[in-house]
Protein backbone atom coordinates (compact mmCIF):
# COMPACT_ATOMS: atom_id res chain seq x y z
CA MET A 1 98.41 79.88 92.30
CA LYS A 2 96.82 78.13 95.36
CA GLU A 3 99.67 78.72 97.49
CA PHE A 4 99.70 82.50 96.23
CA THR A 5 96.25 82.88 97.12
CA ARG A 6 96.71 81.23 100.72
CA THR A 7 99.36 83.57 101.40
CA TRP A 8 97.24 86.71 100.28
CA LEU A 9 94.25 85.59 102.46
CA LEU A 10 96.90 85.07 105.60
CA THR A 11 98.30 88.60 104.64
CA ILE A 12 95.00 90.13 105.04
CA ILE A 13 94.34 88.51 108.50
CA ASP A 14 97.62 88.48 110.03
CA PRO A 15 100.15 90.95 107.80
CA GLY A 16 103.26 89.68 110.09
CA ALA A 17 102.65 85.98 109.44
CA GLY A 18 101.82 86.93 105.63
CA PHE A 19 105.07 88.45 105.11
CA SER A 20 106.89 85.84 106.92
CA VAL A 21 105.53 83.42 104.66
CA LEU A 22 106.38 85.91 101.80
CA GLN A 23 109.95 85.92 102.68
CA GLU A 24 110.06 82.10 101.47
CA LYS A 25 108.52 82.82 98.18
CA PRO A 26 110.06 83.55 94.85
CA ALA A 27 111.17 87.13 94.37
CA PRO A 28 110.35 89.30 92.62
CA HIS A 29 107.97 86.84 90.88
CA TRP A 30 105.14 87.30 93.60
CA GLY A 31 105.59 91.10 93.58
CA PHE A 32 105.18 91.14 89.81
CA LEU A 33 102.19 88.78 90.06
CA SER A 34 100.64 90.82 92.69
CA THR A 35 101.07 93.94 90.71
CA LEU A 36 99.52 92.53 87.69
CA VAL A 37 96.61 91.06 89.39
CA ARG A 38 95.81 94.26 91.10
CA PHE A 39 95.88 96.30 87.96
CA VAL A 40 94.26 93.93 85.47
CA VAL A 41 91.48 92.88 87.63
CA THR A 42 90.76 96.72 88.33
CA ALA A 43 91.12 97.53 84.54
CA LEU A 44 88.70 94.54 83.62
CA THR A 45 86.21 95.21 86.42
CA SER A 46 85.88 98.74 87.67
CA ILE A 47 87.37 100.65 84.84
CA LEU A 48 85.58 98.65 82.10
CA ALA A 49 81.97 98.92 83.88
CA LEU A 50 82.60 102.82 84.27
CA ARG A 51 83.21 102.60 80.27
CA LEU A 52 80.19 100.55 79.68
CA LEU A 53 78.13 102.93 81.76
CA ASN A 54 79.64 105.79 79.75
CA GLN A 55 80.82 107.43 82.89
CA ARG A 56 83.34 110.48 82.42
CA PRO A 57 85.96 110.82 85.03
CA PHE A 58 85.17 112.77 88.14
CA ILE A 59 88.22 114.62 87.99
CA PRO A 60 89.59 116.12 84.69
CA SER A 61 92.22 114.35 83.11
CA TYR A 62 95.89 116.00 82.79
CA ILE A 63 96.54 113.89 79.54
CA THR A 64 95.17 116.36 77.12
CA PHE A 65 95.32 114.09 74.26
CA LEU A 66 92.62 111.70 75.67
CA ASP A 67 89.38 113.26 75.73
CA GLU A 68 87.06 112.67 78.68
CA ALA A 69 84.50 110.47 76.97
CA ASN A 70 87.24 107.92 75.88
CA TYR A 71 89.44 108.23 78.96
CA TYR A 72 88.13 105.00 80.50
CA GLN A 73 88.58 102.98 77.34
CA ALA A 74 92.12 103.85 77.14
CA GLU A 75 92.48 103.19 80.80
CA ILE A 76 91.45 99.71 80.46
CA PHE A 77 94.68 99.27 78.49
CA PHE A 78 97.09 101.54 80.03
CA LEU A 79 96.23 100.93 83.84
CA PRO A 80 98.42 97.57 84.10
CA LEU A 81 101.26 99.26 82.51
CA PHE A 82 100.93 102.23 84.81
CA GLY A 83 100.90 99.71 87.91
CA LEU A 84 103.88 97.92 86.88
CA GLY A 85 105.80 100.96 85.90
CA ALA A 86 105.06 102.69 89.11
CA TRP A 87 106.07 99.23 90.85
CA LEU A 88 109.34 99.25 89.10
CA LEU A 89 110.03 102.86 90.01
CA SER A 90 108.88 102.76 93.50
CA SER A 91 111.04 99.45 94.08
CA ALA A 92 114.13 101.14 92.72
CA LEU A 93 113.47 104.23 94.90
CA VAL A 94 113.17 102.17 97.97
CA TYR A 95 116.48 100.32 97.23
CA LEU A 96 118.14 103.47 96.50
CA ILE A 97 117.31 104.87 99.75
CA LEU A 98 118.34 101.83 101.67
CA ARG A 99 121.72 101.83 99.69
CA ILE A 100 122.38 105.53 100.34
CA SER A 101 121.65 104.91 104.13
CA ARG A 102 123.90 101.98 103.94
CA ARG A 103 121.16 99.67 104.91
CA GLU A 104 120.95 95.99 103.99
CA SER A 105 118.96 95.79 100.75
CA ASN A 106 117.64 93.38 98.28
CA ILE A 107 115.66 94.74 95.11
CA ASP A 108 113.90 91.32 94.86
CA TRP A 109 112.47 91.44 98.56
CA ILE A 110 111.63 94.98 98.10
CA MET A 111 109.72 94.29 94.86
CA ASN A 112 107.83 91.33 96.47
CA VAL A 113 106.81 93.78 99.65
CA ILE A 114 105.60 96.50 97.47
CA GLY A 115 103.57 94.24 94.89
CA PHE A 116 102.12 92.10 97.69
CA SER A 117 101.22 95.31 99.91
CA LEU A 118 99.18 96.78 97.04
CA LEU A 119 97.31 93.43 96.14
CA VAL A 120 96.45 92.70 99.91
CA VAL A 121 93.98 95.62 100.35
CA MET A 122 92.33 95.22 97.06
CA PRO A 123 89.37 92.96 98.05
CA VAL A 124 88.25 95.72 100.02
CA VAL A 125 88.78 98.49 97.36
CA TRP A 126 87.12 96.31 94.63
CA LEU A 127 83.83 95.76 96.68
CA LEU A 128 83.67 99.49 97.79
CA ASP A 129 84.39 100.62 94.00
CA TRP A 130 81.91 98.02 92.51
CA ALA A 131 79.11 99.30 95.16
CA GLY A 132 79.85 102.78 94.30
CA ILE A 133 79.42 102.13 90.47
CA ALA A 134 76.40 99.83 90.89
CA PHE A 135 74.52 102.13 93.07
CA GLY A 136 75.65 105.57 91.45
CA PHE A 137 77.87 107.09 93.96
CA TYR A 138 81.16 106.39 92.48
CA GLY A 139 82.64 109.99 92.52
CA ALA A 140 84.96 112.43 94.23
CA THR A 141 83.03 112.32 97.51
CA PHE A 142 82.92 108.79 97.95
CA THR A 143 86.17 107.39 95.97
CA ILE A 144 88.74 109.68 97.12
CA PRO A 145 88.41 109.41 100.89
CA ILE A 146 87.93 105.63 100.61
CA HIS A 147 91.42 105.52 98.47
CA ALA A 148 93.09 107.93 101.15
CA GLY A 149 92.14 105.40 104.01
CA VAL A 150 93.38 102.58 101.84
CA SER A 151 96.76 104.22 101.20
CA VAL A 152 97.30 104.41 104.84
CA TRP A 153 96.47 100.86 105.28
CA GLU A 154 99.17 100.28 102.38
CA VAL A 155 101.87 102.26 103.93
CA ALA A 156 101.31 100.23 107.14
CA LEU A 157 101.43 97.01 105.29
CA MET A 158 104.43 97.83 103.62
CA GLY A 159 106.13 99.03 106.95
CA THR A 160 105.41 95.47 108.20
CA GLY A 161 106.58 93.63 105.09
CA PHE A 162 109.89 95.90 105.05
CA LYS A 163 110.44 95.52 108.99
CA ARG A 164 110.02 91.68 108.67
CA MET A 165 112.20 91.35 105.66
CA GLY A 166 114.55 93.92 106.12
CA GLY A 167 115.19 94.28 109.85
CA LEU A 168 114.37 97.80 109.68
CA SER A 169 112.92 99.61 112.83
CA TRP A 170 109.21 100.43 112.57
CA LEU A 171 109.71 104.11 111.89
CA ALA A 172 112.19 103.61 109.08
CA ALA A 173 109.87 100.69 107.39
CA VAL A 174 106.91 102.79 107.67
CA PHE A 175 108.79 105.89 106.16
CA LEU A 176 109.79 103.74 102.98
CA GLY A 177 105.97 102.79 102.62
CA PHE A 178 105.32 106.49 102.78
CA VAL A 179 107.78 107.02 100.15
CA VAL A 180 106.17 104.44 97.88
CA LYS A 181 102.63 105.74 98.35
CA ALA A 182 103.12 109.52 98.51
CA GLY A 183 106.17 110.07 96.54
CA VAL A 184 105.49 107.57 93.63
CA TYR A 185 102.13 106.15 93.44
CA ILE A 186 99.73 108.99 94.55
CA PRO A 187 101.42 111.70 92.30
CA LEU A 188 101.67 109.30 89.49
CA ALA A 189 97.85 108.49 89.77
CA ALA A 190 96.99 111.78 89.99
CA ILE A 191 98.15 112.33 86.49
CA PHE A 192 97.10 109.21 84.69
CA VAL A 193 94.38 107.37 86.84
CA ARG A 194 90.62 108.38 86.77
């Protein structure tokens, strides 16, 4: 776990160096662990705090069988499953795109790059979310712009990882990162995550 944390911190400071180190790590194990840490910590901190404060989602839910009063209570449990499902789906989509375009592809490293990219940004996200919750300004006008900016950062990180690990051009690597965020995570999050 110490090596995992050290690589995480390195990737925050120097993404290229961090992804070089990640190439030598067990795949897809680190991608799985990264995804799990991101979504479990979020569920047990931000979402739990919103539930304990009796907050309601600032955007109405598309899941009609969950009422707004109990949405965060349910999200504590389904958020990690959502994260893992979206990680698997986005990894498979990137793999498929690379195979169709006759590029070298390895599903294991794809899963590591996506999972690790999703985790690298989280210290900033957690601190901003926790501050918003604590000081009462967690809502659409604060949270949506912050998370949109973080999504751009995640796309750049994935681009760095895909370029480093797959030998892709920068444009192709960033495109794959964009597919992960705009094609999978954001649309699914718009349905399930509040």
